[in-house]
Protein backbone atom coordinates (compact mmCIF):
# COMPACT_ATOMS: atom_id res chain seq x y z
CA MET A 1 58.09 57.52 125.37
CA GLY A 2 61.36 58.64 124.36
CA LYS A 3 61.17 57.54 120.59
CA PHE A 4 57.87 59.64 120.12
CA LEU A 5 59.48 62.87 121.71
CA LEU A 6 62.35 62.04 119.61
CA VAL A 7 60.01 62.41 116.75
CA VAL A 8 58.50 65.16 117.77
CA VAL A 9 61.47 66.46 118.21
CA VAL A 10 63.27 66.42 115.07
CA PHE A 11 59.76 66.85 112.69
CA ALA A 12 60.14 70.46 115.17
CA ALA A 13 63.07 70.69 113.83
CA LEU A 14 62.81 70.46 110.17
CA VAL A 15 59.32 72.49 110.17
CA TYR A 16 61.94 75.21 111.97
CA THR A 17 64.31 74.51 109.17
CA ALA A 18 62.16 74.76 106.17
CA PHE A 19 59.88 77.79 107.76
CA TRP A 20 63.78 79.74 108.76
CA LEU A 21 64.73 79.40 105.37
CA ILE A 22 61.66 80.54 103.96
CA GLU A 23 61.68 83.49 105.13
CA ARG A 24 64.93 83.85 104.69
CA ARG A 25 64.59 83.90 101.01
CA ARG A 26 61.20 86.36 101.23
CA ALA A 27 63.49 88.87 103.26
CA GLY A 28 66.66 88.88 100.80
CA ALA A 29 64.03 88.85 97.84
CA ALA A 30 62.13 92.25 99.06
CA SER A 31 65.01 94.00 100.61
CA PRO A 32 67.71 95.44 99.01
CA ARG A 33 71.10 95.06 99.58
CA ARG A 34 72.69 97.31 102.05
CA THR A 35 75.23 99.51 99.69
CA SER A 36 77.21 102.34 101.41
CA ALA A 37 76.39 105.52 101.56
CA ARG A 38 79.61 106.75 99.16
CA PRO A 39 79.04 105.28 95.52
CA ALA A 40 82.83 103.96 94.98
CA PRO A 41 85.18 106.33 93.23
CA ARG A 42 85.40 106.19 89.49
CA VAL A 43 89.14 104.42 88.10
CA LEU A 44 89.38 106.34 85.26
CA ALA A 45 91.80 105.12 82.26
CA PRO A 46 94.53 107.09 80.90
CA ASP A 47 93.06 108.08 78.43
CA ASP A 48 90.26 109.31 79.72
CA ASP A 49 91.75 111.55 82.31
CA GLU A 50 91.95 114.80 80.92
CA GLU A 51 94.95 116.31 83.63
CA PHE A 52 96.76 113.28 82.61
CA LEU A 53 96.59 113.86 79.20
CA ARG A 54 97.90 117.61 79.63
CA LYS A 55 100.88 117.00 81.52
CA LEU A 56 101.16 114.42 78.83
CA ASN A 57 101.48 116.74 75.82
CA GLN A 58 103.58 119.44 78.19
CA ARG A 59 105.82 116.44 78.17
CA ASN A 60 105.73 115.92 75.53
CA ARG A 61 105.61 118.75 73.72
CA ARG A 62 109.04 119.77 75.58
CA ARG A 63 110.04 117.02 74.57
CA ASP A 64 110.29 118.23 70.86
CA GLN A 65 111.09 121.80 71.75
CA GLY A 66 114.71 119.92 73.05
CA ARG A 67 114.94 118.09 69.62
CA ASP A 68 114.62 121.45 67.25
CA LEU A 69 117.11 122.97 68.60
CA PRO A 70 119.77 124.23 65.64
CA GLY A 71 122.95 122.11 65.24
CA ASP A 72 121.70 118.59 65.46
């Protein structure tokens, strides 16, 4: 009687595990993964950032104006 009960318990555990894995896969494919409500902020490269380019141009103009002084 003890061996029979052990076989039934092991069989039931295997069947439960198989159905659990099947349901888990089916649920994962049907529902999209959860994402945050807000999208991640887009990181700009320096040459794509308008403010950076504007400041860079101003800095370069100031530097170039300083070199154009008479007497150099």
